[in-house]
Structure formats: structure tokens, C-alpha cells
Amino acid sequence: MTDGAMKYAEVWGDTVDLKDLAKAVVIGGVIALACYLIAGRVLMAYAPSAQIARTYAMLFGLLGCIGAGALCARLFAPKRDLSEGTHDDAWRDEALAALAEGGRFGRTEDLPAVVQAEMKELGLYDTFVRYEAVLRQDEAKNS
């Protein structure tokens, strides 16, 4: 592996820096454990039994985990670069051709209006319409 590959890992579908991940784990552990221990000491004086005090202390430990997660999210920014630009639709045409090889291709006009609207929103509708026109031309030539 290269140094770049060793520096990053994929966790729950997101790319993270391993150093930042290690720091976040340590921060989360320290904050959660501190919340648990402090709450346990404080609640021992007020709870009717030690077991109930430990139970509530665990809830404070969980709240510490949530707080640590929020803190780490602010401290360590995502490591991904998002860019918007033009894209090539050739890969979509190739995918449609692969789909059409499997059998009869449906028509966009037959789809419910909701599905058509979603396809238009995603920028897929025109691609399907163009591909259907190509298929019709090919059928007309072969007939």
C-alpha cells in the first residue's frame, strides 16, 4: 500500500484520516468515561441504591458519547473533496445498453407521473427518452 492509502480509511461509507480517527476515539473515550465517573460519584449521594446510581451514570456516559461526537465533528473536518462540473453521459448510455440486452426495455411514457418527475429531477429522464428513440430507430431499420 502507498502512504496515501495508509493515511485514509473508509468508515460507515465516509473517508476519514486515521490520525483524526484515533484522536476522536481517545477524545470520545475520555469524555464518556469522565461523564460516567463524575455522574456516578454525584448520584451516589442522591440515588436510593448504588445500582440505580450506576444505571443513571451510564446514561450520563452515553450523553458524553454524544457530546464527544459533536465536538469531534467540529474539530475534524471531512477529508473528501466534492466538485461539481460537467460530466459525460456515455457511461449512462453503456449502462442502458447493458440493461436492454437482458430483455424488453420499458417505455418512459408508461411510468407513473411521480416516477417521471423523480427521473427528471435526477437528470435521468432525457437519457432514457434518447435511448428509447435510438431503440425505435434500430427497430425501424431492422423491420
Protein backbone atom coordinates (compact mmCIF):
# COMPACT_ATOMS: atom_id res chain seq x y z
CA MET A 1 0.00 0.00 0.00
CA THR A 2 1.09 3.56 -0.59
CA ASP A 3 1.38 6.15 2.14
CA GLY A 4 -1.80 7.83 0.88
CA ALA A 5 -3.75 4.59 1.15
CA MET A 6 -2.48 4.03 4.70
CA LYS A 7 -3.47 7.55 5.74
CA TYR A 8 -7.18 7.19 4.99
CA ALA A 9 -9.82 4.59 5.75
CA GLU A 10 -13.47 4.17 4.93
CA VAL A 11 -15.75 4.15 7.97
CA TRP A 12 -19.52 3.88 7.53
CA GLY A 13 -19.30 5.00 3.92
CA ASP A 14 -17.15 8.06 4.61
CA THR A 15 -13.43 8.65 4.16
CA VAL A 16 -11.56 9.50 7.36
CA ASP A 17 -7.98 10.34 8.25
CA LEU A 18 -6.64 7.59 10.53
CA LYS A 19 -4.84 10.10 12.78
CA ASP A 20 -8.03 12.12 13.24
CA LEU A 21 -9.96 8.91 13.85
CA ALA A 22 -7.53 7.85 16.58
CA LYS A 23 -7.75 11.30 18.20
CA ALA A 24 -11.56 11.19 18.05
CA VAL A 25 -11.64 7.73 19.68
CA VAL A 26 -9.41 8.93 22.52
CA ILE A 27 -11.42 12.14 22.99
CA GLY A 28 -14.68 10.18 22.95
CA GLY A 29 -13.40 7.64 25.46
CA VAL A 30 -12.07 10.28 27.84
CA ILE A 31 -15.22 12.41 27.75
CA ALA A 32 -17.61 9.45 28.07
CA LEU A 33 -15.63 7.87 30.92
CA ALA A 34 -15.32 11.20 32.72
CA CYS A 35 -19.08 11.79 32.45
CA TYR A 36 -19.77 8.29 33.74
CA LEU A 37 -17.38 8.52 36.70
CA ILE A 38 -18.39 12.04 37.74
CA ALA A 39 -22.10 11.25 37.44
CA GLY A 40 -21.58 8.03 39.43
CA ARG A 41 -19.94 9.92 42.29
CA VAL A 42 -22.54 12.67 42.34
CA LEU A 43 -25.53 10.33 42.03
CA MET A 44 -24.34 8.02 44.85
CA ALA A 45 -25.39 10.75 47.27
CA TYR A 46 -28.89 11.11 45.81
CA ALA A 47 -29.91 7.70 44.47
CA PRO A 48 -31.73 5.21 46.72
CA SER A 49 -29.24 2.45 45.78
CA ALA A 50 -25.80 2.09 44.24
CA GLN A 51 -27.23 0.09 41.32
CA ILE A 52 -29.62 2.89 40.37
CA ALA A 53 -26.79 5.42 40.66
CA ARG A 54 -24.62 3.34 38.27
CA THR A 55 -27.54 2.97 35.87
CA TYR A 56 -28.10 6.72 35.68
CA ALA A 57 -24.34 7.24 35.46
CA MET A 58 -24.33 5.07 32.32
CA LEU A 59 -26.93 7.39 30.81
CA PHE A 60 -24.63 10.33 31.51
CA GLY A 61 -21.79 8.36 29.90
CA LEU A 62 -23.93 7.92 26.79
CA LEU A 63 -24.67 11.64 26.77
CA GLY A 64 -20.91 12.16 26.99
CA CYS A 65 -20.50 9.98 23.88
CA ILE A 66 -22.98 12.14 22.00
CA GLY A 67 -21.27 15.31 23.17
CA ALA A 68 -17.87 13.91 22.20
CA GLY A 69 -19.22 13.04 18.76
CA ALA A 70 -20.45 16.61 18.28
CA LEU A 71 -17.12 18.00 19.50
CA CYS A 72 -15.10 15.73 17.19
CA ALA A 73 -17.33 16.64 14.26
CA ARG A 74 -16.40 20.28 14.84
CA LEU A 75 -12.70 19.57 15.41
CA PHE A 76 -12.09 17.22 12.48
CA ALA A 77 -13.47 18.31 9.13
CA PRO A 78 -14.37 15.71 6.46
CA LYS A 79 -11.49 14.76 4.17
CA ARG A 80 -13.44 14.47 0.95
CA ASP A 81 -13.41 16.86 -1.98
CA LEU A 82 -16.71 17.43 -3.73
CA SER A 83 -16.64 19.03 -7.12
CA GLU A 84 -19.40 20.00 -9.45
CA GLY A 85 -18.78 20.13 -13.13
CA THR A 86 -19.75 18.75 -16.45
CA HIS A 87 -20.00 15.02 -16.79
CA ASP A 88 -20.04 12.59 -19.64
CA ASP A 89 -23.30 10.71 -20.24
CA ALA A 90 -21.55 7.96 -22.21
CA TRP A 91 -21.44 5.69 -19.16
CA ARG A 92 -25.22 6.02 -18.81
CA ASP A 93 -25.73 5.00 -22.42
CA GLU A 94 -23.48 1.99 -21.88
CA ALA A 95 -25.47 1.01 -18.77
CA LEU A 96 -28.75 1.34 -20.68
CA ALA A 97 -27.38 -0.83 -23.48
CA ALA A 98 -26.42 -3.47 -20.92
CA LEU A 99 -29.92 -3.31 -19.42
CA ALA A 100 -31.53 -3.61 -22.84
CA GLU A 101 -29.55 -6.77 -23.59
CA GLY A 102 -31.38 -8.52 -20.76
CA GLY A 103 -34.79 -8.24 -22.37
CA ARG A 104 -37.55 -5.84 -23.40
CA PHE A 105 -36.95 -2.26 -22.40
CA GLY A 106 -39.95 -0.42 -20.90
CA ARG A 107 -41.21 2.96 -22.07
CA THR A 108 -40.90 6.13 -20.03
CA GLU A 109 -44.41 7.19 -21.07
CA ASP A 110 -45.79 4.14 -19.22
CA LEU A 111 -44.23 5.19 -15.91
CA PRO A 112 -46.35 6.93 -13.26
CA ALA A 113 -46.06 10.72 -13.20
CA VAL A 114 -44.31 10.62 -9.82
CA VAL A 115 -41.57 8.37 -11.17
CA GLN A 116 -41.18 10.53 -14.27
CA ALA A 117 -40.85 13.64 -12.10
CA GLU A 118 -38.20 11.96 -9.96
CA MET A 119 -36.29 10.85 -13.06
CA LYS A 120 -36.39 14.43 -14.39
CA GLU A 121 -35.16 15.74 -11.04
CA LEU A 122 -32.22 13.32 -11.13
CA GLY A 123 -31.44 14.16 -14.75
CA LEU A 124 -32.17 10.63 -15.97
CA TYR A 125 -35.40 11.16 -17.88
CA ASP A 126 -33.87 12.70 -21.01
CA THR A 127 -31.23 9.95 -21.13
CA PHE A 128 -33.93 7.26 -21.15
CA VAL A 129 -36.02 9.12 -23.75
CA ARG A 130 -32.97 9.50 -26.04
CA TYR A 131 -32.13 5.83 -25.66
CA GLU A 132 -35.72 4.79 -26.41
CA ALA A 133 -35.59 6.86 -29.61
CA VAL A 134 -32.37 5.10 -30.63
CA LEU A 135 -34.01 1.71 -29.96
CA ARG A 136 -37.06 2.68 -32.06
CA GLN A 137 -34.81 3.78 -34.94
CA ASP A 138 -32.90 0.50 -34.76
CA GLU A 139 -36.19 -1.47 -34.77
CA ALA A 140 -37.43 0.53 -37.77
CA LYS A 141 -34.21 -0.20 -39.67
CA ASN A 142 -34.39 -3.92 -38.88
CA SER A 143 -38.07 -4.18 -39.90
